[in-house]
Amino acid sequence: MLAPKSVRVAGILGTGVQAYWQARALFSERKFERLLIWGRDREKHEFEDQFAPWLPGVKIEVIDSVKK
């Protein structure tokens, strides 16, 4: 696997169905503490309820920009 053994923050670009599955797959391989989500359509950001059962203890943040 190419990912580091320890991951604290993961990021998802996009808000479609694939974003949900990517976050679950990432978490199954590397437990992370924060999930950052960015997408063009901010109204689609209703992930917290969907992710809560699959990402216990993860703080989910919707971000306005992918720039630092």
N, C-alpha and C. Protein backbone atom coordinates (compact mmCIF):
# COMPACT_ATOMS: atom_id res chain seq x y z
N MET A 1 0.84 -1.17 0.00
CA MET A 1 0.00 0.00 0.00
C MET A 1 0.89 1.24 0.00
N LEU A 2 0.48 2.25 -0.73
CA LEU A 2 1.26 3.47 -0.86
C LEU A 2 0.94 4.52 0.21
N ALA A 3 -0.15 4.37 0.92
CA ALA A 3 -0.53 5.34 1.94
C ALA A 3 0.33 5.19 3.18
N PRO A 4 0.56 6.31 3.89
CA PRO A 4 1.32 6.21 5.14
C PRO A 4 0.58 5.32 6.14
N LYS A 5 1.31 4.76 7.07
CA LYS A 5 0.68 3.87 8.06
C LYS A 5 -0.23 4.62 9.01
N SER A 6 0.04 5.89 9.25
CA SER A 6 -0.77 6.70 10.15
C SER A 6 -1.32 7.91 9.39
N VAL A 7 -2.64 8.05 9.42
CA VAL A 7 -3.31 9.16 8.74
C VAL A 7 -4.23 9.83 9.75
N ARG A 8 -4.10 11.16 9.88
CA ARG A 8 -4.97 11.89 10.81
C ARG A 8 -6.10 12.59 10.08
N VAL A 9 -5.83 13.07 8.85
CA VAL A 9 -6.82 13.83 8.08
C VAL A 9 -6.94 13.23 6.68
N ALA A 10 -8.19 13.03 6.25
CA ALA A 10 -8.45 12.56 4.89
C ALA A 10 -9.29 13.61 4.20
N GLY A 11 -9.20 13.68 2.88
CA GLY A 11 -9.97 14.64 2.12
C GLY A 11 -10.67 14.00 0.95
N ILE A 12 -11.87 14.48 0.67
CA ILE A 12 -12.65 14.01 -0.47
C ILE A 12 -13.00 15.22 -1.32
N LEU A 13 -12.73 15.13 -2.61
CA LEU A 13 -13.12 16.17 -3.55
C LEU A 13 -14.33 15.66 -4.32
N GLY A 14 -15.46 16.29 -4.09
CA GLY A 14 -16.70 15.88 -4.75
C GLY A 14 -17.75 15.51 -3.72
N THR A 15 -19.00 15.58 -4.14
CA THR A 15 -20.10 15.31 -3.20
C THR A 15 -21.08 14.27 -3.72
N GLY A 16 -20.68 13.56 -4.74
CA GLY A 16 -21.57 12.54 -5.31
C GLY A 16 -21.52 11.24 -4.53
N VAL A 17 -22.15 10.25 -5.07
CA VAL A 17 -22.22 8.94 -4.42
C VAL A 17 -20.83 8.36 -4.19
N GLN A 18 -19.93 8.59 -5.12
CA GLN A 18 -18.59 8.03 -4.99
C GLN A 18 -17.87 8.59 -3.76
N ALA A 19 -18.16 9.82 -3.38
CA ALA A 19 -17.53 10.41 -2.20
C ALA A 19 -17.84 9.59 -0.95
N TYR A 20 -19.07 9.15 -0.83
CA TYR A 20 -19.49 8.32 0.30
C TYR A 20 -18.68 7.02 0.35
N TRP A 21 -18.58 6.35 -0.77
CA TRP A 21 -17.87 5.08 -0.82
C TRP A 21 -16.36 5.25 -0.65
N GLN A 22 -15.81 6.34 -1.17
CA GLN A 22 -14.38 6.59 -0.99
C GLN A 22 -14.04 6.80 0.47
N ALA A 23 -14.85 7.56 1.17
CA ALA A 23 -14.59 7.81 2.59
C ALA A 23 -14.65 6.51 3.38
N ARG A 24 -15.61 5.67 3.10
CA ARG A 24 -15.72 4.38 3.80
C ARG A 24 -14.52 3.50 3.49
N ALA A 25 -14.11 3.47 2.24
CA ALA A 25 -12.96 2.64 1.85
C ALA A 25 -11.68 3.14 2.51
N LEU A 26 -11.48 4.45 2.50
CA LEU A 26 -10.30 5.02 3.15
C LEU A 26 -10.25 4.65 4.63
N PHE A 27 -11.38 4.81 5.30
CA PHE A 27 -11.44 4.55 6.74
C PHE A 27 -11.21 3.07 7.06
N SER A 28 -11.64 2.20 6.16
CA SER A 28 -11.44 0.76 6.41
C SER A 28 -9.96 0.39 6.34
N GLU A 29 -9.18 1.16 5.58
CA GLU A 29 -7.75 0.89 5.44
C GLU A 29 -6.89 1.66 6.45
N ARG A 30 -7.26 2.90 6.70
CA ARG A 30 -6.50 3.78 7.60
C ARG A 30 -7.49 4.60 8.42
N LYS A 31 -7.55 4.36 9.71
CA LYS A 31 -8.44 5.12 10.58
C LYS A 31 -7.94 6.55 10.68
N PHE A 32 -8.79 7.51 10.36
CA PHE A 32 -8.41 8.92 10.44
C PHE A 32 -9.33 9.64 11.41
N GLU A 33 -8.90 10.85 11.84
CA GLU A 33 -9.63 11.61 12.85
C GLU A 33 -10.55 12.67 12.24
N ARG A 34 -10.17 13.20 11.09
CA ARG A 34 -10.94 14.26 10.43
C ARG A 34 -11.15 13.92 8.97
N LEU A 35 -12.32 14.29 8.46
CA LEU A 35 -12.62 14.12 7.04
C LEU A 35 -13.02 15.48 6.49
N LEU A 36 -12.26 15.98 5.52
CA LEU A 36 -12.55 17.24 4.87
C LEU A 36 -13.25 16.95 3.54
N ILE A 37 -14.37 17.63 3.30
CA ILE A 37 -15.14 17.41 2.08
C ILE A 37 -15.31 18.73 1.35
N TRP A 38 -14.99 18.74 0.06
CA TRP A 38 -15.21 19.91 -0.78
C TRP A 38 -15.98 19.47 -2.01
N GLY A 39 -16.88 20.33 -2.45
CA GLY A 39 -17.61 20.08 -3.69
C GLY A 39 -18.14 21.38 -4.25
N ARG A 40 -18.38 21.39 -5.55
CA ARG A 40 -18.91 22.60 -6.20
C ARG A 40 -20.30 22.94 -5.68
N ASP A 41 -21.10 21.92 -5.43
CA ASP A 41 -22.49 22.13 -5.00
C ASP A 41 -22.58 21.93 -3.48
N ARG A 42 -22.48 23.01 -2.75
CA ARG A 42 -22.46 22.94 -1.29
C ARG A 42 -23.76 22.34 -0.73
N GLU A 43 -24.86 22.45 -1.44
CA GLU A 43 -26.13 21.92 -0.95
C GLU A 43 -26.14 20.40 -0.87
N LYS A 44 -25.24 19.75 -1.57
CA LYS A 44 -25.19 18.29 -1.53
C LYS A 44 -24.46 17.77 -0.30
N HIS A 45 -23.91 18.66 0.51
CA HIS A 45 -23.12 18.24 1.67
C HIS A 45 -24.02 17.82 2.83
N GLU A 46 -24.58 16.67 2.75
CA GLU A 46 -25.40 16.14 3.83
C GLU A 46 -24.82 14.79 4.26
N PHE A 47 -23.48 14.77 4.39
CA PHE A 47 -22.80 13.52 4.63
C PHE A 47 -22.76 13.09 6.08
N GLU A 48 -22.83 14.02 6.99
CA GLU A 48 -22.60 13.68 8.39
C GLU A 48 -23.52 12.56 8.86
N ASP A 49 -24.80 12.64 8.53
CA ASP A 49 -25.74 11.60 8.94
C ASP A 49 -25.43 10.26 8.27
N GLN A 50 -25.01 10.31 7.01
CA GLN A 50 -24.69 9.07 6.28
C GLN A 50 -23.41 8.44 6.81
N PHE A 51 -22.42 9.28 7.13
CA PHE A 51 -21.11 8.77 7.53
C PHE A 51 -21.03 8.35 8.99
N ALA A 52 -21.83 8.96 9.85
CA ALA A 52 -21.69 8.74 11.29
C ALA A 52 -21.59 7.26 11.68
N PRO A 53 -22.44 6.38 11.16
CA PRO A 53 -22.33 4.98 11.57
C PRO A 53 -21.05 4.30 11.08
N TRP A 54 -20.49 4.78 9.99
CA TRP A 54 -19.33 4.13 9.37
C TRP A 54 -18.00 4.77 9.75
N LEU A 55 -18.06 5.99 10.29
CA LEU A 55 -16.84 6.70 10.66
C LEU A 55 -16.92 7.16 12.12
N PRO A 56 -16.95 6.23 13.04
CA PRO A 56 -17.11 6.60 14.45
C PRO A 56 -15.96 7.46 14.94
N GLY A 57 -16.30 8.56 15.61
CA GLY A 57 -15.30 9.44 16.18
C GLY A 57 -14.62 10.38 15.20
N VAL A 58 -15.04 10.36 13.94
CA VAL A 58 -14.41 11.22 12.93
C VAL A 58 -15.15 12.56 12.86
N LYS A 59 -14.39 13.65 12.90
CA LYS A 59 -14.97 14.98 12.74
C LYS A 59 -15.07 15.26 11.25
N ILE A 60 -16.27 15.52 10.77
CA ILE A 60 -16.52 15.75 9.36
C ILE A 60 -16.67 17.25 9.13
N GLU A 61 -15.86 17.79 8.22
CA GLU A 61 -15.87 19.23 7.95
C GLU A 61 -16.08 19.47 6.46
N VAL A 62 -17.05 20.32 6.15
CA VAL A 62 -17.26 20.76 4.77
C VAL A 62 -16.43 22.03 4.61
N ILE A 63 -15.58 22.04 3.60
CA ILE A 63 -14.69 23.19 3.39
C ILE A 63 -15.10 23.97 2.15
N ASP A 64 -14.79 25.27 2.15
CA ASP A 64 -15.16 26.15 1.04
C ASP A 64 -14.16 26.16 -0.10
N SER A 65 -12.93 25.75 0.18
CA SER A 65 -11.89 25.82 -0.82
C SER A 65 -10.89 24.68 -0.60
N VAL A 66 -10.26 24.26 -1.67
CA VAL A 66 -9.22 23.24 -1.54
C VAL A 66 -7.86 23.88 -1.33
N LYS A 67 -7.80 25.19 -1.38
CA LYS A 67 -6.56 25.91 -1.14
C LYS A 67 -6.35 26.08 0.36
N LYS A 68 -5.08 26.11 0.77
CA LYS A 68 -4.78 26.34 2.19
C LYS A 68 -5.03 27.76 2.58
